[in-house]
Amino acid sequence: MGKTLPSRFWKKINGLPIGLANNVKLKNDVEKDAPVCWSDVDLDINCPVVKIREKIKLS
């Protein structure tokens, strides 16, 4: 279950946005109730939404 926390927290830990967390494949084990980070999932880098989010993440 996702948690609502300030965006500065998610940026600090490189957290995966909840909108990108649907139907993704985990690369790493994630403990129960622990945040899921970009590095924990295997995302399709050719997906338009992922491309847009990467640009936002860099700014």
PDB file of N, CA and C in Angstrom:
ATOM      1  N   MET A   1       0.840  -1.165   0.000  1.00  0.00           N
ATOM      2  CA  MET A   1       0.000   0.000   0.000  1.00  0.00           C
ATOM      3  C   MET A   1       0.890   1.234   0.000  1.00  0.00           C
ATOM      4  N   GLY A   2       0.618   2.189  -0.872  1.00  0.00           N
ATOM      5  CA  GLY A   2       1.427   3.392  -0.977  1.00  0.00           C
ATOM      6  C   GLY A   2       1.207   4.348   0.177  1.00  0.00           C
ATOM      7  N   LYS A   3       2.190   5.172   0.417  1.00  0.00           N
ATOM      8  CA  LYS A   3       2.092   6.184   1.466  1.00  0.00           C
ATOM      9  C   LYS A   3       2.186   7.557   0.824  1.00  0.00           C
ATOM     10  N   THR A   4       1.470   8.500   1.398  1.00  0.00           N
ATOM     11  CA  THR A   4       1.547   9.872   0.939  1.00  0.00           C
ATOM     12  C   THR A   4       2.515  10.627   1.847  1.00  0.00           C
ATOM     13  N   LEU A   5       3.607  11.043   1.258  1.00  0.00           N
ATOM     14  CA  LEU A   5       4.627  11.802   1.973  1.00  0.00           C
ATOM     15  C   LEU A   5       5.059  12.953   1.083  1.00  0.00           C
ATOM     16  N   PRO A   6       5.689  13.972   1.653  1.00  0.00           N
ATOM     17  CA  PRO A   6       6.133  15.107   0.836  1.00  0.00           C
ATOM     18  C   PRO A   6       7.071  14.674  -0.290  1.00  0.00           C
ATOM     19  N   SER A   7       6.973  15.372  -1.421  1.00  0.00           N
ATOM     20  CA  SER A   7       7.794  15.022  -2.582  1.00  0.00           C
ATOM     21  C   SER A   7       9.279  15.122  -2.285  1.00  0.00           C
ATOM     22  N   ARG A   8       9.680  16.017  -1.394  1.00  0.00           N
ATOM     23  CA  ARG A   8      11.106  16.137  -1.076  1.00  0.00           C
ATOM     24  C   ARG A   8      11.645  14.840  -0.460  1.00  0.00           C
ATOM     25  N   PHE A   9      10.794  14.122   0.285  1.00  0.00           N
ATOM     26  CA  PHE A   9      11.206  12.831   0.842  1.00  0.00           C
ATOM     27  C   PHE A   9      11.461  11.832  -0.281  1.00  0.00           C
ATOM     28  N   TRP A  10      10.529  11.739  -1.221  1.00  0.00           N
ATOM     29  CA  TRP A  10      10.650  10.786  -2.322  1.00  0.00           C
ATOM     30  C   TRP A  10      11.830  11.125  -3.225  1.00  0.00           C
ATOM     31  N   LYS A  11      12.078  12.416  -3.433  1.00  0.00           N
ATOM     32  CA  LYS A  11      13.239  12.813  -4.232  1.00  0.00           C
ATOM     33  C   LYS A  11      14.533  12.409  -3.530  1.00  0.00           C
ATOM     34  N   LYS A  12      14.561  12.576  -2.224  1.00  0.00           N
ATOM     35  CA  LYS A  12      15.765  12.273  -1.451  1.00  0.00           C
ATOM     36  C   LYS A  12      16.137  10.793  -1.543  1.00  0.00           C
ATOM     37  N   ILE A  13      15.135   9.913  -1.543  1.00  0.00           N
ATOM     38  CA  ILE A  13      15.416   8.477  -1.578  1.00  0.00           C
ATOM     39  C   ILE A  13      15.313   7.899  -2.986  1.00  0.00           C
ATOM     40  N   ASN A  14      15.021   8.761  -3.980  1.00  0.00           N
ATOM     41  CA  ASN A  14      14.845   8.328  -5.361  1.00  0.00           C
ATOM     42  C   ASN A  14      13.683   7.342  -5.481  1.00  0.00           C
ATOM     43  N   GLY A  15      12.595   7.681  -4.788  1.00  0.00           N
ATOM     44  CA  GLY A  15      11.421   6.818  -4.745  1.00  0.00           C
ATOM     45  C   GLY A  15      10.666   6.764  -6.065  1.00  0.00           C
ATOM     46  N   LEU A  16      10.083   5.622  -6.333  1.00  0.00           N
ATOM     47  CA  LEU A  16       9.296   5.420  -7.540  1.00  0.00           C
ATOM     48  C   LEU A  16       7.922   6.058  -7.356  1.00  0.00           C
ATOM     49  N   PRO A  17       7.495   6.906  -8.283  1.00  0.00           N
ATOM     50  CA  PRO A  17       6.153   7.501  -8.183  1.00  0.00           C
ATOM     51  C   PRO A  17       5.087   6.410  -8.250  1.00  0.00           C
ATOM     52  N   ILE A  18       4.061   6.557  -7.440  1.00  0.00           N
ATOM     53  CA  ILE A  18       3.018   5.545  -7.381  1.00  0.00           C
ATOM     54  C   ILE A  18       2.352   5.328  -8.738  1.00  0.00           C
ATOM     55  N   GLY A  19       2.314   6.359  -9.563  1.00  0.00           N
ATOM     56  CA  GLY A  19       1.720   6.232 -10.884  1.00  0.00           C
ATOM     57  C   GLY A  19       2.501   5.325 -11.826  1.00  0.00           C
ATOM     58  N   LEU A  20       3.750   5.050 -11.505  1.00  0.00           N
ATOM     59  CA  LEU A  20       4.572   4.150 -12.324  1.00  0.00           C
ATOM     60  C   LEU A  20       4.723   2.768 -11.685  1.00  0.00           C
ATOM     61  N   ALA A  21       4.076   2.560 -10.553  1.00  0.00           N
ATOM     62  CA  ALA A  21       4.279   1.321  -9.804  1.00  0.00           C
ATOM     63  C   ALA A  21       3.342   0.187 -10.220  1.00  0.00           C
ATOM     64  N   ASN A  22       2.450   0.435 -11.151  1.00  0.00           N
ATOM     65  CA  ASN A  22       1.495  -0.586 -11.568  1.00  0.00           C
ATOM     66  C   ASN A  22       2.117  -1.520 -12.611  1.00  0.00           C
ATOM     67  N   ASN A  23       2.015  -2.804 -12.362  1.00  0.00           N
ATOM     68  CA  ASN A  23       2.492  -3.828 -13.297  1.00  0.00           C
ATOM     69  C   ASN A  23       3.984  -3.729 -13.613  1.00  0.00           C
ATOM     70  N   VAL A  24       4.792  -3.352 -12.644  1.00  0.00           N
ATOM     71  CA  VAL A  24       6.235  -3.335 -12.859  1.00  0.00           C
ATOM     72  C   VAL A  24       6.848  -4.590 -12.238  1.00  0.00           C
ATOM     73  N   LYS A  25       7.980  -4.974 -12.770  1.00  0.00           N
ATOM     74  CA  LYS A  25       8.676  -6.155 -12.281  1.00  0.00           C
ATOM     75  C   LYS A  25       9.765  -5.721 -11.307  1.00  0.00           C
ATOM     76  N   LEU A  26       9.755  -6.303 -10.114  1.00  0.00           N
ATOM     77  CA  LEU A  26      10.785  -5.983  -9.132  1.00  0.00           C
ATOM     78  C   LEU A  26      12.095  -6.666  -9.491  1.00  0.00           C
ATOM     79  N   LYS A  27      13.196  -5.908  -9.372  1.00  0.00           N
ATOM     80  CA  LYS A  27      14.538  -6.450  -9.572  1.00  0.00           C
ATOM     81  C   LYS A  27      15.160  -6.845  -8.237  1.00  0.00           C
ATOM     82  N   ASN A  28      14.740  -6.160  -7.188  1.00  0.00           N
ATOM     83  CA  ASN A  28      15.297  -6.369  -5.855  1.00  0.00           C
ATOM     84  C   ASN A  28      14.172  -6.694  -4.878  1.00  0.00           C
ATOM     85  N   ASP A  29      14.502  -7.447  -3.849  1.00  0.00           N
ATOM     86  CA  ASP A  29      13.535  -7.667  -2.776  1.00  0.00           C
ATOM     87  C   ASP A  29      13.315  -6.356  -2.043  1.00  0.00           C
ATOM     88  N   VAL A  30      12.069  -6.074  -1.715  1.00  0.00           N
ATOM     89  CA  VAL A  30      11.712  -4.866  -0.966  1.00  0.00           C
ATOM     90  C   VAL A  30      10.977  -5.319   0.287  1.00  0.00           C
ATOM     91  N   GLU A  31      11.456  -4.871   1.429  1.00  0.00           N
ATOM     92  CA  GLU A  31      10.823  -5.263   2.682  1.00  0.00           C
ATOM     93  C   GLU A  31       9.403  -4.720   2.767  1.00  0.00           C
ATOM     94  N   LYS A  32       8.570  -5.409   3.498  1.00  0.00           N
ATOM     95  CA  LYS A  32       7.193  -4.984   3.699  1.00  0.00           C
ATOM     96  C   LYS A  32       7.177  -3.566   4.268  1.00  0.00           C
ATOM     97  N   ASP A  33       6.329  -2.727   3.707  1.00  0.00           N
ATOM     98  CA  ASP A  33       6.141  -1.326   4.113  1.00  0.00           C
ATOM     99  C   ASP A  33       7.339  -0.424   3.812  1.00  0.00           C
ATOM    100  N   ALA A  34       8.350  -0.934   3.117  1.00  0.00           N
ATOM    101  CA  ALA A  34       9.496  -0.110   2.732  1.00  0.00           C
ATOM    102  C   ALA A  34       9.182   0.587   1.411  1.00  0.00           C
ATOM    103  N   PRO A  35       9.740   1.777   1.195  1.00  0.00           N
ATOM    104  CA  PRO A  35       9.508   2.458  -0.078  1.00  0.00           C
ATOM    105  C   PRO A  35      10.179   1.718  -1.239  1.00  0.00           C
ATOM    106  N   VAL A  36       9.553   1.807  -2.403  1.00  0.00           N
ATOM    107  CA  VAL A  36      10.111   1.220  -3.617  1.00  0.00           C
ATOM    108  C   VAL A  36      10.826   2.328  -4.377  1.00  0.00           C
ATOM    109  N   CYS A  37      12.063   2.081  -4.740  1.00  0.00           N
ATOM    110  CA  CYS A  37      12.873   3.076  -5.439  1.00  0.00           C
ATOM    111  C   CYS A  37      13.009   2.704  -6.919  1.00  0.00           C
ATOM    112  N   TRP A  38      13.430   3.691  -7.710  1.00  0.00           N
ATOM    113  CA  TRP A  38      13.635   3.463  -9.139  1.00  0.00           C
ATOM    114  C   TRP A  38      14.546   2.267  -9.369  1.00  0.00           C
ATOM    115  N   SER A  39      15.555   2.113  -8.549  1.00  0.00           N
ATOM    116  CA  SER A  39      16.526   1.030  -8.735  1.00  0.00           C
ATOM    117  C   SER A  39      15.955  -0.345  -8.387  1.00  0.00           C
ATOM    118  N   ASP A  40      14.792  -0.391  -7.754  1.00  0.00           N
ATOM    119  CA  ASP A  40      14.176  -1.662  -7.364  1.00  0.00           C
ATOM    120  C   ASP A  40      13.329  -2.284  -8.460  1.00  0.00           C
ATOM    121  N   VAL A  41      13.034  -1.542  -9.514  1.00  0.00           N
ATOM    122  CA  VAL A  41      12.123  -2.040 -10.539  1.00  0.00           C
ATOM    123  C   VAL A  41      12.750  -2.024 -11.925  1.00  0.00           C
ATOM    124  N   ASP A  42      12.185  -2.851 -12.768  1.00  0.00           N
ATOM    125  CA  ASP A  42      12.609  -2.924 -14.159  1.00  0.00           C
ATOM    126  C   ASP A  42      11.539  -2.224 -14.993  1.00  0.00           C
ATOM    127  N   LEU A  43      11.819  -1.011 -15.424  1.00  0.00           N
ATOM    128  CA  LEU A  43      10.856  -0.230 -16.198  1.00  0.00           C
ATOM    129  C   LEU A  43      11.223  -0.249 -17.673  1.00  0.00           C
ATOM    130  N   ASP A  44      10.207  -0.154 -18.507  1.00  0.00           N
ATOM    131  CA  ASP A  44      10.409  -0.062 -19.957  1.00  0.00           C
ATOM    132  C   ASP A  44      10.838   1.369 -20.280  1.00  0.00           C
ATOM    133  N   ILE A  45      12.107   1.563 -20.582  1.00  0.00           N
ATOM    134  CA  ILE A  45      12.622   2.916 -20.825  1.00  0.00           C
ATOM    135  C   ILE A  45      12.074   3.529 -22.109  1.00  0.00           C
ATOM    136  N   ASN A  46      11.429   2.716 -22.947  1.00  0.00           N
ATOM    137  CA  ASN A  46      10.819   3.237 -24.170  1.00  0.00           C
ATOM    138  C   ASN A  46       9.383   3.705 -23.965  1.00  0.00           C
ATOM    139  N   CYS A  47       8.832   3.454 -22.790  1.00  0.00           N
ATOM    140  CA  CYS A  47       7.473   3.894 -22.475  1.00  0.00           C
ATOM    141  C   CYS A  47       7.452   5.421 -22.385  1.00  0.00           C
ATOM    142  N   PRO A  48       6.526   6.082 -23.080  1.00  0.00           N
ATOM    143  CA  PRO A  48       6.480   7.547 -23.063  1.00  0.00           C
ATOM    144  C   PRO A  48       6.361   8.139 -21.656  1.00  0.00           C
ATOM    145  N   VAL A  49       5.586   7.505 -20.795  1.00  0.00           N
ATOM    146  CA  VAL A  49       5.412   8.015 -19.432  1.00  0.00           C
ATOM    147  C   VAL A  49       6.728   7.953 -18.667  1.00  0.00           C
ATOM    148  N   VAL A  50       7.464   6.886 -18.837  1.00  0.00           N
ATOM    149  CA  VAL A  50       8.762   6.742 -18.159  1.00  0.00           C
ATOM    150  C   VAL A  50       9.734   7.792 -18.681  1.00  0.00           C
ATOM    151  N   LYS A  51       9.740   8.040 -19.979  1.00  0.00           N
ATOM    152  CA  LYS A  51      10.617   9.066 -20.554  1.00  0.00           C
ATOM    153  C   LYS A  51      10.308  10.440 -19.984  1.00  0.00           C
ATOM    154  N   ILE A  52       9.037  10.779 -19.905  1.00  0.00           N
ATOM    155  CA  ILE A  52       8.635  12.082 -19.361  1.00  0.00           C
ATOM    156  C   ILE A  52       9.047  12.189 -17.897  1.00  0.00           C
ATOM    157  N   ARG A  53       8.805  11.131 -17.140  1.00  0.00           N
ATOM    158  CA  ARG A  53       9.133  11.162 -15.709  1.00  0.00           C
ATOM    159  C   ARG A  53      10.641  11.281 -15.500  1.00  0.00           C
ATOM    160  N   GLU A  54      11.425  10.645 -16.329  1.00  0.00           N
ATOM    161  CA  GLU A  54      12.882  10.773 -16.226  1.00  0.00           C
ATOM    162  C   GLU A  54      13.319  12.209 -16.438  1.00  0.00           C
ATOM    163  N   LYS A  55      12.698  12.895 -17.405  1.00  0.00           N
ATOM    164  CA  LYS A  55      13.029  14.302 -17.646  1.00  0.00           C
ATOM    165  C   LYS A  55      12.681  15.153 -16.436  1.00  0.00           C
ATOM    166  N   ILE A  56      11.518  14.874 -15.834  1.00  0.00           N
ATOM    167  CA  ILE A  56      11.096  15.613 -14.642  1.00  0.00           C
ATOM    168  C   ILE A  56      12.057  15.344 -13.494  1.00  0.00           C
ATOM    169  N   LYS A  57      12.464  14.097 -13.343  1.00  0.00           N
ATOM    170  CA  LYS A  57      13.352  13.707 -12.265  1.00  0.00           C
ATOM    171  C   LYS A  57      14.685  14.437 -12.356  1.00  0.00           C
ATOM    172  N   LEU A  58      15.149  14.705 -13.548  1.00  0.00           N
ATOM    173  CA  LEU A  58      16.426  15.363 -13.739  1.00  0.00           C
ATOM    174  C   LEU A  58      16.382  16.868 -13.471  1.00  0.00           C
ATOM    175  N   SER A  59      15.202  17.435 -13.450  1.00  0.00           N
ATOM    176  CA  SER A  59      15.098  18.886 -13.235  1.00  0.00           C
ATOM    177  C   SER A  59      14.966  19.255 -11.780  1.00  0.00           C
TER     178      SER A  59
END
